[in-house]
Protein backbone atom coordinates (compact mmCIF):
# COMPACT_ATOMS: atom_id res chain seq x y z
CA MET A 1 3.85 30.15 14.86
CA ILE A 2 2.37 26.70 12.99
CA PHE A 3 2.05 27.14 9.00
CA VAL A 4 -0.64 24.92 7.75
CA ILE A 5 -1.47 23.88 4.42
CA ASP A 6 -4.99 22.01 3.11
CA VAL A 7 -4.28 20.66 -0.77
CA GLY A 8 -7.23 20.38 -2.45
CA ASN A 9 -7.98 19.48 -5.77
CA THR A 10 -8.50 23.06 -6.61
CA ASN A 11 -6.85 25.42 -4.26
CA MET A 12 -4.43 24.81 -1.82
CA THR A 13 -5.86 26.80 1.57
CA MET A 14 -2.91 28.23 4.21
CA GLY A 15 -3.13 29.31 7.23
CA VAL A 16 -0.61 30.62 10.16
CA PHE A 17 -1.39 29.73 13.57
CA CYS A 18 0.11 31.37 16.61
CA GLY A 19 -1.02 29.44 19.61
CA GLU A 20 -4.98 28.66 19.11
CA LYS A 21 -5.21 32.10 17.24
CA LEU A 22 -5.87 31.78 13.51
CA ALA A 23 -3.26 35.12 12.42
CA ALA A 24 -3.69 34.64 8.37
CA THR A 25 -4.92 33.05 5.49
CA PHE A 26 -4.75 32.49 1.95
CA ARG A 27 -5.07 30.81 -0.99
CA ILE A 28 -3.21 29.67 -4.21
CA MET A 29 -4.27 27.63 -7.19
CA THR A 30 -3.05 23.63 -6.74
CA LYS A 31 -1.77 23.96 -10.27
CA THR A 32 1.02 21.26 -11.33
CA PRO A 33 3.52 21.27 -12.33
CA ARG A 34 5.42 23.98 -9.91
CA THR A 35 9.26 24.12 -8.81
CA SER A 36 9.85 24.27 -5.22
CA ASP A 37 11.48 27.75 -5.68
CA GLU A 38 7.69 28.67 -7.10
CA TYR A 39 5.72 27.59 -4.30
CA GLY A 40 8.46 29.11 -1.59
CA ILE A 41 8.61 32.56 -3.39
CA MET A 42 4.17 32.49 -3.16
CA ILE A 43 4.56 31.58 0.27
CA THR A 44 7.17 34.05 1.53
CA GLN A 45 5.91 36.87 -0.15
CA LEU A 46 2.17 35.86 1.05
CA LEU A 47 3.84 35.84 4.82
CA LYS A 48 5.50 38.71 4.05
CA SER A 49 2.75 40.99 2.83
CA ASN A 50 0.79 39.63 6.09
CA GLY A 51 3.35 40.71 8.32
CA ILE A 52 4.88 37.45 9.31
CA LYS A 53 8.80 36.85 9.39
CA THR A 54 9.68 32.90 7.78
CA SER A 55 12.26 33.19 11.37
CA ASP A 56 8.63 33.12 12.62
CA ILE A 57 7.58 30.01 11.65
CA GLU A 58 8.30 27.30 13.82
CA GLY A 59 6.76 24.57 12.35
CA ALA A 60 4.21 23.26 8.92
CA ILE A 61 1.56 20.90 8.39
CA ILE A 62 0.19 19.51 5.34
CA ALA A 63 -2.75 17.94 4.43
CA SER A 64 -3.03 16.85 0.50
CA VAL A 65 -5.39 15.08 -1.62
CA VAL A 66 -3.36 15.90 -4.21
CA PRO A 67 0.24 13.59 -4.44
CA ASP A 68 1.69 15.46 -7.27
CA VAL A 69 2.27 18.48 -5.36
CA MET A 70 3.78 17.22 -2.28
CA HIS A 71 7.39 16.66 -3.79
CA SER A 72 7.94 20.54 -4.44
CA LEU A 73 5.65 21.71 -1.37
CA THR A 74 7.39 19.98 1.00
CA SER A 75 10.80 20.61 -0.61
CA SER A 76 10.20 24.18 -0.75
CA ILE A 77 8.91 24.47 2.92
CA ILE A 78 11.82 22.73 4.14
CA ARG A 79 14.20 25.20 2.04
CA TYR A 80 12.48 28.86 2.51
CA LEU A 81 10.40 28.13 6.28
CA HIS A 82 13.55 26.18 7.21
CA THR A 83 11.46 23.29 8.83
CA LYS A 84 10.22 19.74 7.63
CA PRO A 85 6.34 19.41 7.34
CA ILE A 86 4.47 17.26 9.11
CA ILE A 87 2.24 15.10 6.32
CA VAL A 88 -0.95 14.16 7.42
CA GLY A 89 -2.41 11.49 6.78
CA PRO A 90 -4.09 8.23 7.70
CA GLY A 91 -2.13 6.66 10.96
CA VAL A 92 -0.95 10.34 11.96
CA LYS A 93 -0.78 10.68 15.95
CA SER A 94 -2.36 13.92 16.47
CA GLY A 95 -2.94 13.04 20.16
CA ARG A 96 -6.87 13.77 19.54
CA SER A 97 -9.41 11.24 19.34
CA ARG A 98 -12.01 11.43 16.36
CA ARG A 99 -14.80 12.30 19.01
CA ASP A 100 -12.72 15.37 20.43
CA HIS A 101 -12.85 17.06 17.27
CA ARG A 102 -15.15 20.16 16.57
CA VAL A 103 -14.64 20.97 13.20
CA TYR A 104 -13.17 24.53 12.49
CA GLN A 105 -15.01 25.74 9.42
CA TYR A 106 -13.42 28.66 8.27
CA PRO A 107 -10.88 28.82 6.11
CA PHE A 108 -10.66 25.41 5.60
CA GLN A 109 -14.25 24.39 5.33
CA CYS A 110 -13.44 20.62 6.37
CA ARG A 111 -16.59 19.11 4.26
CA ARG A 112 -13.52 16.17 4.06
CA ARG A 113 -12.39 16.14 7.98
CA LYS A 114 -9.00 16.07 6.74
CA PRO A 115 -6.81 15.96 9.95
CA CYS A 116 -5.37 18.85 9.28
CA CYS A 117 -8.30 21.07 9.80
CA HIS A 118 -7.98 19.77 13.39
CA LEU A 119 -4.83 19.62 14.74
CA TYR A 120 -4.75 23.26 15.89
CA THR A 121 -8.70 22.98 16.76
CA THR A 122 -10.25 23.67 20.66
């Protein structure tokens, strides 16, 4: 399973993909400052409430427009999900061209066409 996070100015939209199937989604407020432990506890509890074990998470991807949360958020994923997240930004090789992308509208609402929305679309 892949854990994905779209960090916006107001909310963080999170999802878990099992292959190409979206297994779970949830949102939390983008609030600074938060510690890595606060993020870690929230993420693990949200996963648990959706019936997903942290040991099932094989990778993580983050796309963010809020640089102030990145250190704590990245640290929480490393510590609590035991995986180093891919940080999506300009220059990240996704293996897809911009022409290949079909926007996945829910739950990530790709108005800004953030790369995180596109990595696991068909």
